[in-house]
Amino acid sequence: MAIRLYQFILLLLFLAVGCQKNDGPEIPETAVFSINVHNEVDILHAQYAVFLSDKNGQTKAFRWIPGSDTARVMVPGSEPTDRFDCTVVKIEPFLAPGTGVRDTTVSLTTYTNLYNGANIHLHETNYLKSTDLSLKFTGVSSVDSIVVPQGLTFAFPQAGNNFEGQYRVLHTGRIWFRVRVNGESTWRYAFFENINDASYSATVDLTDLQPLPPNPALVSLPLLTDWNFELDRVIDLDKKEFLSLGGNQRIPGGPIPVFDQLNVYEPPSLPQNGYRLRISGFDTNPGGYGYVCDKFFQDLPTGLQSPNFDILTASVADGRWVSIQCSGFIDLLAFTRRYTGGTLAISWEALVASSNSGAVNYRLPNVPAELGDLYAVLKNYAFNPGVEVRAEGYDKLNAYPEVVARMMLKDNPLWQMDAGYFGKIRKF
């Protein structure tokens, strides 16, 4: 009986405590705005930080982002319906080639008007392989010209080195080259497949070199300038396999060609899967503009047209305010301030939505003390004079929210090509 009474008393106490707990006021969860940062980059390669700012530029949250980790950045006292600007900071030290001097680049990117729960992905999107290619030619009396697409020349094949050329080539498993030999006016070519190693050597006899069609396809360009371009024949888009049709990589300090059309040579019998063209160039004449694009073409285009939108004016005030006047429909506006001096280079790019009125004003947010204490130039907004403005259009995306969401996702290195990217740049 005593045991039962004791158990009964315990049950009453349990129920009493339970009733008191249920009858008490519930403590609500704190509403808060947050974003998620997924960092796949090792800290040895780059250090990242993120800070959130309100519409007045006040810093509301700052966090260093661990390497190869995911972090949540929250704004205390905020609501999920709030919007904030998010600035991603990348600090990357490196040795300047041939100098032994350690340089530092600081790159800031501000995504404006972000929503709660946004995800930002930090990772390298390069899918190209690098192979040191050694070519030894036999049966030839001279090698007059050679083009190894996406190849950086270390040694030109000539009689003095027994016609052995050395190149570092970026590719996706296939390498080809075109060459003029023995004083001939036409091009010959050779083609290599299944290249996966860091180095590859080949001996190429004159009888191995097949003739190319004598007349190239032509693509007219909107400007006469020193274009940077990469034209690829699509082999397998799903597997990101391409064959480069461009020229050699430029040698630092070498001559810079100026042209207004592309002469396109390609091996015959390639898969009919289309082309990818990435190109950028700037007219340096007064009032000139820059052109950029990354597009897929089922058939090689005969020419490229300038976008039907423009940046009319841009001005800078107090180092932070930028005022931009545009015309036409623009999906995204980006403006960049830069500083270069000594062993430090800083760039700050802000991504903003365009305006129906054509006028956009934006003030760079405050620099958090954690960064300002490291870089006085950044804290004082002591950028070089002027501003670079880029207006972007996309064939398959609609306005700023869609574009910036794809930028932050970075799940596919071909996302701009898939979206049909083209843009116009002006420097003020």
Protein backbone atom coordinates (compact mmCIF):
# COMPACT_ATOMS: atom_id res chain seq x y z
CA MET A 1 0.00 0.00 0.00
CA ALA A 2 2.82 2.40 0.87
CA ILE A 3 4.48 1.73 -2.48
CA ARG A 4 1.23 2.42 -4.39
CA LEU A 5 0.70 5.66 -2.44
CA TYR A 6 4.24 6.74 -3.23
CA GLN A 7 3.71 6.02 -6.96
CA PHE A 8 0.44 7.96 -6.90
CA ILE A 9 2.12 11.00 -5.32
CA LEU A 10 4.84 10.89 -7.98
CA LEU A 11 2.20 10.78 -10.73
CA LEU A 12 0.42 13.83 -9.23
CA LEU A 13 3.70 15.74 -9.06
CA PHE A 14 4.46 14.83 -12.69
CA LEU A 15 1.05 16.00 -13.85
CA ALA A 16 1.32 19.20 -11.81
CA VAL A 17 4.68 20.04 -13.34
CA GLY A 18 3.35 19.19 -16.79
CA CYS A 19 0.31 21.42 -16.32
CA GLN A 20 2.43 24.30 -15.08
CA LYS A 21 4.71 23.94 -18.15
CA ASN A 22 1.81 23.86 -20.60
CA ASP A 23 -0.01 26.75 -18.97
CA GLY A 24 3.04 29.06 -19.06
CA PRO A 25 3.70 31.53 -21.90
CA GLU A 26 5.40 30.12 -25.01
CA ILE A 27 8.67 31.82 -26.00
CA PRO A 28 8.50 32.60 -29.75
CA GLU A 29 11.44 31.85 -32.00
CA THR A 30 13.41 34.95 -32.92
CA ALA A 31 12.60 36.01 -36.47
CA VAL A 32 15.78 36.66 -38.41
CA PHE A 33 17.11 37.19 -41.93
CA SER A 34 19.90 34.84 -42.99
CA ILE A 35 21.82 33.67 -46.03
CA ASN A 36 23.82 30.49 -46.59
CA VAL A 37 27.35 30.53 -47.97
CA HIS A 38 28.69 27.27 -49.42
CA ASN A 39 32.46 27.52 -49.73
CA GLU A 40 34.19 24.73 -51.68
CA VAL A 41 37.51 26.59 -51.94
CA ASP A 42 40.38 25.56 -49.68
CA ILE A 43 41.65 28.38 -47.46
CA LEU A 44 45.16 27.89 -48.90
CA HIS A 45 43.86 29.15 -52.25
CA ALA A 46 41.71 32.06 -51.06
CA GLN A 47 40.21 33.56 -47.90
CA TYR A 48 36.57 34.60 -48.08
CA ALA A 49 34.46 36.89 -45.94
CA VAL A 50 30.85 38.02 -46.22
CA PHE A 51 29.04 41.02 -44.81
CA LEU A 52 25.41 42.13 -44.97
CA SER A 53 24.35 45.78 -45.21
CA ASP A 54 21.02 47.59 -45.00
CA LYS A 55 19.70 50.20 -47.45
CA ASN A 56 21.69 52.90 -45.64
CA GLY A 57 24.95 51.00 -46.06
CA GLN A 58 25.23 50.08 -42.39
CA THR A 59 26.92 46.74 -41.73
CA LYS A 60 24.50 44.37 -40.00
CA ALA A 61 26.55 41.18 -40.02
CA PHE A 62 30.12 40.13 -40.83
CA ARG A 63 31.69 36.69 -40.95
CA TRP A 64 34.88 35.07 -42.16
CA ILE A 65 33.95 31.99 -44.20
CA PRO A 66 35.83 28.77 -43.37
CA GLY A 67 37.43 26.94 -46.27
CA SER A 68 35.59 23.90 -47.63
CA ASP A 69 32.61 24.51 -45.36
CA THR A 70 29.12 25.98 -45.21
CA ALA A 71 28.29 29.00 -43.05
CA ARG A 72 25.10 30.85 -42.20
CA VAL A 73 25.23 34.61 -41.88
CA MET A 74 22.36 36.08 -39.83
CA VAL A 75 21.19 39.61 -39.04
CA PRO A 76 20.15 39.87 -35.37
CA GLY A 77 16.81 41.55 -34.77
CA SER A 78 15.75 41.33 -38.41
CA GLU A 79 12.67 39.85 -40.05
CA PRO A 80 12.64 37.21 -42.80
CA THR A 81 10.81 39.67 -45.05
CA ASP A 82 13.68 42.18 -44.86
CA ARG A 83 16.08 42.64 -47.76
CA PHE A 84 19.81 43.22 -47.45
CA ASP A 85 22.83 43.72 -49.68
CA CYS A 86 25.46 41.00 -49.44
CA THR A 87 29.13 41.61 -50.21
CA VAL A 88 31.43 38.66 -50.83
CA VAL A 89 35.11 39.40 -50.23
CA LYS A 90 37.86 37.26 -51.76
CA ILE A 91 41.45 37.76 -50.57
CA GLU A 92 43.97 35.97 -52.73
CA PRO A 93 47.74 36.21 -52.21
CA PHE A 94 50.07 35.08 -54.98
CA LEU A 95 53.66 35.39 -56.14
CA ALA A 96 54.12 37.79 -59.04
CA PRO A 97 55.67 35.72 -61.86
CA GLY A 98 59.43 36.08 -62.09
CA THR A 99 59.72 38.60 -59.25
CA GLY A 100 59.49 36.63 -56.02
CA VAL A 101 57.25 39.43 -54.74
CA ARG A 102 54.07 38.39 -52.96
CA ASP A 103 51.06 40.31 -54.27
CA THR A 104 47.53 40.40 -52.90
CA THR A 105 44.29 40.85 -54.78
CA VAL A 106 41.12 41.78 -52.93
CA SER A 107 37.93 41.28 -54.91
CA LEU A 108 34.56 42.43 -53.57
CA THR A 109 31.21 41.62 -55.17
CA THR A 110 28.02 43.18 -53.82
CA TYR A 111 24.71 41.46 -54.59
CA THR A 112 21.97 43.97 -53.87
CA ASN A 113 18.47 43.44 -52.48
CA LEU A 114 18.82 39.78 -51.55
CA TYR A 115 15.99 37.74 -50.09
CA ASN A 116 15.97 35.65 -46.94
CA GLY A 117 17.48 32.18 -47.28
CA ALA A 118 19.53 33.03 -50.36
CA ASN A 119 22.38 30.64 -51.17
CA ILE A 120 25.78 31.76 -52.39
CA HIS A 121 28.19 29.17 -53.75
CA LEU A 122 31.93 29.76 -53.81
CA HIS A 123 33.79 27.28 -55.96
CA GLU A 124 36.06 26.99 -58.95
CA THR A 125 34.17 26.33 -62.16
CA ASN A 126 37.08 25.48 -64.47
CA TYR A 127 36.52 22.21 -66.33
CA LEU A 128 39.53 22.46 -68.67
CA LYS A 129 42.54 20.17 -68.52
CA SER A 130 46.12 21.34 -68.97
CA THR A 131 48.60 19.30 -71.00
CA ASP A 132 52.21 20.04 -71.95
CA LEU A 133 52.29 19.12 -75.63
CA SER A 134 55.52 18.22 -77.40
CA LEU A 135 55.39 18.09 -81.22
CA LYS A 136 58.31 16.80 -83.29
CA PHE A 137 57.97 17.24 -87.05
CA THR A 138 59.70 14.94 -89.51
CA GLY A 139 59.84 15.02 -93.30
CA VAL A 140 59.64 18.83 -93.42
CA SER A 141 62.19 21.42 -94.49
CA SER A 142 60.49 24.33 -92.69
CA VAL A 143 57.63 25.06 -90.33
CA ASP A 144 56.38 28.47 -91.48
CA SER A 145 53.40 28.96 -89.18
CA ILE A 146 51.60 26.90 -86.56
CA VAL A 147 48.45 27.50 -84.52
CA VAL A 148 47.70 25.33 -81.48
CA PRO A 149 44.26 26.48 -80.26
CA GLN A 150 44.38 27.39 -76.57
CA GLY A 151 48.09 26.62 -76.57
CA LEU A 152 50.75 28.79 -74.92
CA THR A 153 53.97 28.62 -76.93
CA PHE A 154 57.16 27.67 -75.09
CA ALA A 155 59.21 26.67 -78.15
CA PHE A 156 58.49 27.20 -81.86
CA PRO A 157 59.44 24.24 -84.08
CA GLN A 158 62.34 25.21 -86.34
CA ALA A 159 65.53 23.77 -87.75
CA GLY A 160 67.55 24.97 -84.76
CA ASN A 161 65.61 22.70 -82.36
CA ASN A 162 65.07 19.82 -84.81
CA PHE A 163 61.50 21.03 -85.48
CA GLU A 164 60.30 20.31 -81.98
CA GLY A 165 57.61 22.60 -80.56
CA GLN A 166 56.53 22.88 -76.93
CA TYR A 167 53.06 24.10 -75.88
CA ARG A 168 50.88 24.16 -72.79
CA VAL A 169 47.34 23.51 -73.96
CA LEU A 170 43.97 23.92 -72.25
CA HIS A 171 41.44 21.42 -73.57
CA THR A 172 38.68 18.92 -72.74
CA GLY A 173 40.32 15.76 -74.09
CA ARG A 174 40.97 16.69 -77.74
CA ILE A 175 43.84 18.70 -79.19
CA TRP A 176 44.47 19.72 -82.77
CA PHE A 177 46.75 22.11 -84.58
CA ARG A 178 47.07 23.64 -88.04
CA VAL A 179 50.41 24.29 -89.66
CA ARG A 180 51.99 25.65 -92.82
CA VAL A 181 55.14 23.84 -93.87
CA ASN A 182 57.69 23.85 -96.70
CA GLY A 183 56.57 27.25 -98.00
CA GLU A 184 53.04 26.07 -98.80
CA SER A 185 50.24 28.64 -98.79
CA THR A 186 47.58 26.27 -97.44
CA TRP A 187 47.10 24.85 -93.97
CA ARG A 188 47.49 21.24 -92.91
CA TYR A 189 46.31 19.77 -89.63
CA ALA A 190 46.63 16.87 -87.18
CA PHE A 191 44.18 15.77 -84.51
CA PHE A 192 44.66 13.96 -81.17
CA GLU A 193 41.91 12.39 -79.05
CA ASN A 194 41.62 10.99 -75.51
CA ILE A 195 44.27 13.31 -74.06
CA ASN A 196 44.08 12.99 -70.27
CA ASP A 197 47.67 13.17 -69.02
CA ALA A 198 49.67 16.19 -67.89
CA SER A 199 52.06 15.72 -70.81
CA TYR A 200 51.76 14.30 -74.31
CA SER A 201 54.41 13.80 -77.01
CA ALA A 202 53.81 13.14 -80.67
CA THR A 203 56.02 12.75 -83.73
CA VAL A 204 54.22 14.09 -86.80
CA ASP A 205 55.45 13.26 -90.27
CA LEU A 206 54.56 15.31 -93.32
CA THR A 207 52.42 12.41 -94.55
CA ASP A 208 50.35 12.63 -91.34
CA LEU A 209 49.31 16.21 -92.05
CA GLN A 210 45.97 16.43 -93.85
CA PRO A 211 44.96 19.54 -95.84
CA LEU A 212 42.35 21.94 -94.49
CA PRO A 213 39.77 23.66 -96.72
CA PRO A 214 41.58 26.67 -98.19
CA ASN A 215 38.97 29.30 -97.32
CA PRO A 216 37.99 29.93 -93.68
CA ALA A 217 34.52 30.80 -92.49
CA LEU A 218 34.22 34.48 -91.54
CA VAL A 219 32.52 36.07 -88.52
CA SER A 220 32.32 39.86 -88.61
CA LEU A 221 32.71 41.69 -85.28
CA PRO A 222 31.17 44.99 -84.17
CA LEU A 223 34.52 46.65 -83.34
CA LEU A 224 38.06 46.91 -84.65
CA THR A 225 40.13 46.14 -81.57
CA ASP A 226 42.36 43.58 -79.84
CA TRP A 227 39.68 41.01 -79.15
CA ASN A 228 39.97 38.23 -76.60
CA PHE A 229 37.94 35.30 -77.85
CA GLU A 230 37.42 31.59 -77.46
CA LEU A 231 35.48 29.80 -80.17
CA ASP A 232 34.71 26.15 -79.47
CA ARG A 233 33.07 23.44 -81.53
CA VAL A 234 30.64 21.57 -79.28
CA ILE A 235 31.49 17.86 -79.11
CA ASP A 236 29.24 16.86 -76.18
CA LEU A 237 27.49 19.65 -74.30
CA ASP A 238 26.30 17.46 -71.41
CA LYS A 239 29.85 16.27 -70.74
CA LYS A 240 31.34 19.74 -71.37
CA GLU A 241 33.50 18.46 -74.20
CA PHE A 242 34.60 21.00 -76.78
CA LEU A 243 37.24 21.47 -79.46
CA SER A 244 38.80 24.93 -79.50
CA LEU A 245 38.89 26.66 -82.88
CA GLY A 246 40.62 29.84 -81.73
CA GLY A 247 44.25 30.84 -81.85
CA ASN A 248 47.24 30.43 -79.60
CA GLN A 249 47.15 31.93 -76.14
CA ARG A 250 48.85 35.30 -76.13
CA ILE A 251 52.43 35.38 -74.89
CA PRO A 252 52.91 38.01 -72.17
CA GLY A 253 54.71 41.00 -73.66
CA GLY A 254 54.18 39.75 -77.21
CA PRO A 255 52.45 41.55 -80.09
CA ILE A 256 48.72 42.20 -79.70
CA PRO A 257 46.75 41.72 -82.95
CA VAL A 258 43.89 44.05 -83.86
CA PHE A 259 41.06 42.71 -86.04
CA ASP A 260 37.35 43.05 -86.81
CA GLN A 261 36.56 39.55 -88.05
CA LEU A 262 37.30 35.97 -87.11
CA ASN A 263 38.82 33.61 -89.65
CA VAL A 264 37.52 30.22 -88.58
CA TYR A 265 39.35 27.04 -89.54
CA GLU A 266 38.17 23.67 -88.24
CA PRO A 267 38.86 20.01 -88.92
CA PRO A 268 36.31 18.36 -91.20
CA SER A 269 33.81 15.72 -90.06
CA LEU A 270 33.24 17.15 -86.57
CA PRO A 271 29.90 16.46 -84.83
CA GLN A 272 27.19 18.92 -85.83
CA ASN A 273 26.47 20.01 -82.27
CA GLY A 274 26.94 23.75 -82.65
CA TYR A 275 29.43 26.34 -81.41
CA ARG A 276 30.20 28.28 -78.27
CA LEU A 277 31.61 31.79 -78.68
CA ARG A 278 33.06 33.80 -75.80
CA ILE A 279 34.42 37.16 -76.81
CA SER A 280 35.30 40.52 -75.30
CA GLY A 281 36.83 43.66 -76.74
CA PHE A 282 36.99 47.39 -76.10
CA ASP A 283 37.15 50.32 -78.49
CA THR A 284 39.72 52.64 -76.92
CA ASN A 285 38.79 55.64 -79.08
CA PRO A 286 37.00 58.54 -77.34
CA GLY A 287 33.39 57.54 -76.72
CA GLY A 288 34.18 53.91 -77.49
CA TYR A 289 32.51 50.99 -75.77
CA GLY A 290 33.28 47.40 -74.88
CA TYR A 291 31.40 44.33 -76.08
CA VAL A 292 31.14 40.96 -74.34
CA CYS A 293 29.16 37.81 -75.05
CA ASP A 294 28.99 34.12 -74.21
CA LYS A 295 26.56 32.38 -76.54
CA PHE A 296 25.69 29.07 -78.14
CA PHE A 297 25.06 28.99 -81.89
CA GLN A 298 23.67 25.99 -83.71
CA ASP A 299 25.36 27.30 -86.86
CA LEU A 300 28.37 29.56 -87.02
CA PRO A 301 27.09 33.16 -87.20
CA THR A 302 28.19 35.46 -89.97
CA GLY A 303 28.45 38.39 -87.58
CA LEU A 304 27.74 39.83 -84.14
CA GLN A 305 25.61 42.90 -83.52
CA SER A 306 26.01 45.47 -80.76
CA PRO A 307 23.34 45.26 -78.01
CA ASN A 308 20.25 47.46 -78.40
CA PHE A 309 20.79 49.05 -74.98
CA ASP A 310 23.41 51.53 -73.84
CA ILE A 311 25.04 53.30 -70.89
CA LEU A 312 24.69 57.02 -71.49
CA THR A 313 26.49 58.59 -68.52
CA ALA A 314 28.00 57.64 -65.18
CA SER A 315 29.51 59.76 -62.44
CA VAL A 316 31.16 59.17 -59.07
CA ALA A 317 30.77 61.24 -55.89
CA ASP A 318 32.65 61.00 -52.54
CA GLY A 319 34.26 57.75 -53.68
CA ARG A 320 31.07 55.82 -52.92
CA TRP A 321 28.10 57.22 -54.83
CA VAL A 322 27.72 56.12 -58.45
CA SER A 323 25.00 57.59 -60.66
CA ILE A 324 24.24 55.84 -63.97
CA GLN A 325 21.95 56.83 -66.83
CA CYS A 326 20.98 54.07 -69.30
CA SER A 327 18.67 53.44 -72.24
CA GLY A 328 16.91 50.29 -73.39
CA PHE A 329 15.95 47.15 -71.48
CA ILE A 330 18.82 45.87 -69.32
CA ASP A 331 18.64 42.71 -67.20
CA LEU A 332 21.51 43.61 -64.86
CA LEU A 333 23.81 46.56 -64.25
CA ALA A 334 27.28 46.18 -62.78
CA PHE A 335 29.74 48.90 -61.93
CA THR A 336 33.33 48.40 -60.80
CA ARG A 337 35.76 50.61 -58.87
CA ARG A 338 39.45 49.66 -58.85
CA TYR A 339 42.65 50.42 -57.01
CA THR A 340 46.12 49.35 -58.11
CA GLY A 341 49.30 50.26 -56.29
CA GLY A 342 52.40 48.52 -55.02
CA THR A 343 51.67 44.89 -54.28
CA LEU A 344 47.95 45.41 -53.67
CA ALA A 345 45.10 45.37 -56.19
CA ILE A 346 41.47 45.93 -55.16
CA SER A 347 38.30 45.71 -57.24
CA TRP A 348 34.76 46.25 -55.98
CA GLU A 349 31.88 45.29 -58.26
CA ALA A 350 28.28 46.08 -57.34
CA LEU A 351 25.41 44.31 -59.09
CA VAL A 352 22.19 46.32 -59.24
CA ALA A 353 18.85 46.22 -61.01
CA SER A 354 18.24 48.62 -63.86
CA SER A 355 15.45 51.21 -63.69
CA ASN A 356 12.49 51.94 -65.96
CA SER A 357 13.46 55.61 -65.79
CA GLY A 358 16.97 54.78 -66.95
CA ALA A 359 18.55 56.36 -63.86
CA VAL A 360 20.27 54.25 -61.20
CA ASN A 361 21.98 55.58 -58.07
CA TYR A 362 23.86 53.39 -55.62
CA ARG A 363 26.20 54.04 -52.72
CA LEU A 364 28.76 51.42 -51.78
CA PRO A 365 28.10 50.09 -48.26
CA ASN A 366 30.27 50.79 -45.25
CA VAL A 367 33.46 48.78 -45.01
CA PRO A 368 33.43 46.63 -41.85
CA ALA A 369 36.18 47.34 -39.34
CA GLU A 370 37.52 43.81 -39.81
CA LEU A 371 38.41 44.75 -43.42
CA GLY A 372 39.12 48.43 -42.95
CA ASP A 373 41.79 47.63 -40.39
CA LEU A 374 43.50 45.39 -42.94
CA TYR A 375 43.22 47.67 -45.99
CA ALA A 376 43.17 51.42 -45.39
CA VAL A 377 42.65 52.02 -49.13
CA LEU A 378 39.40 50.09 -48.95
CA LYS A 379 38.23 51.82 -45.78
CA ASN A 380 38.85 55.23 -47.36
CA TYR A 381 37.34 54.29 -50.76
CA ALA A 382 40.59 55.54 -52.29
CA PHE A 383 39.95 53.99 -55.70
CA ASN A 384 41.45 55.03 -58.99
CA PRO A 385 39.51 57.83 -60.72
CA GLY A 386 36.52 56.80 -62.80
CA VAL A 387 34.16 53.87 -62.91
CA GLU A 388 33.54 50.98 -65.32
CA VAL A 389 29.88 50.17 -66.01
CA ARG A 390 28.61 46.99 -67.63
CA ALA A 391 25.06 46.49 -68.89
CA GLU A 392 24.04 42.87 -69.36
CA GLY A 393 21.27 41.20 -71.34
CA TYR A 394 20.22 37.55 -71.44
CA ASP A 395 18.16 35.80 -74.09
CA LYS A 396 16.67 33.28 -71.64
CA LEU A 397 16.58 35.10 -68.29
CA ASN A 398 14.21 37.85 -67.27
CA ALA A 399 15.58 40.78 -65.26
CA TYR A 400 17.83 41.14 -62.23
CA PRO A 401 16.39 38.57 -59.74
CA GLU A 402 16.76 35.65 -62.16
CA VAL A 403 20.23 36.69 -63.33
CA VAL A 404 21.69 37.29 -59.87
CA ALA A 405 20.24 34.00 -58.59
CA ARG A 406 22.13 32.12 -61.33
CA MET A 407 25.28 34.09 -60.57
CA MET A 408 25.18 33.10 -56.91
CA LEU A 409 24.38 29.47 -57.67
CA LYS A 410 27.32 28.90 -60.06
CA ASP A 411 26.29 25.26 -60.43
CA ASN A 412 27.25 25.17 -64.08
CA PRO A 413 30.28 26.87 -65.68
CA LEU A 414 28.21 27.14 -68.88
CA TRP A 415 25.32 29.01 -67.27
CA GLN A 416 25.95 32.26 -69.14
CA MET A 417 26.16 30.45 -72.46
CA ASP A 418 22.94 28.58 -71.66
CA ALA A 419 21.25 31.90 -70.84
CA GLY A 420 22.54 33.68 -73.96
CA TYR A 421 24.70 36.39 -72.41
CA PHE A 422 25.70 39.62 -74.11
CA GLY A 423 26.72 42.98 -72.73
CA LYS A 424 28.04 46.47 -73.26
CA ILE A 425 30.78 48.21 -71.26
CA ARG A 426 31.67 51.85 -70.93
CA LYS A 427 34.40 53.52 -68.88
CA PHE A 428 33.81 56.95 -67.35
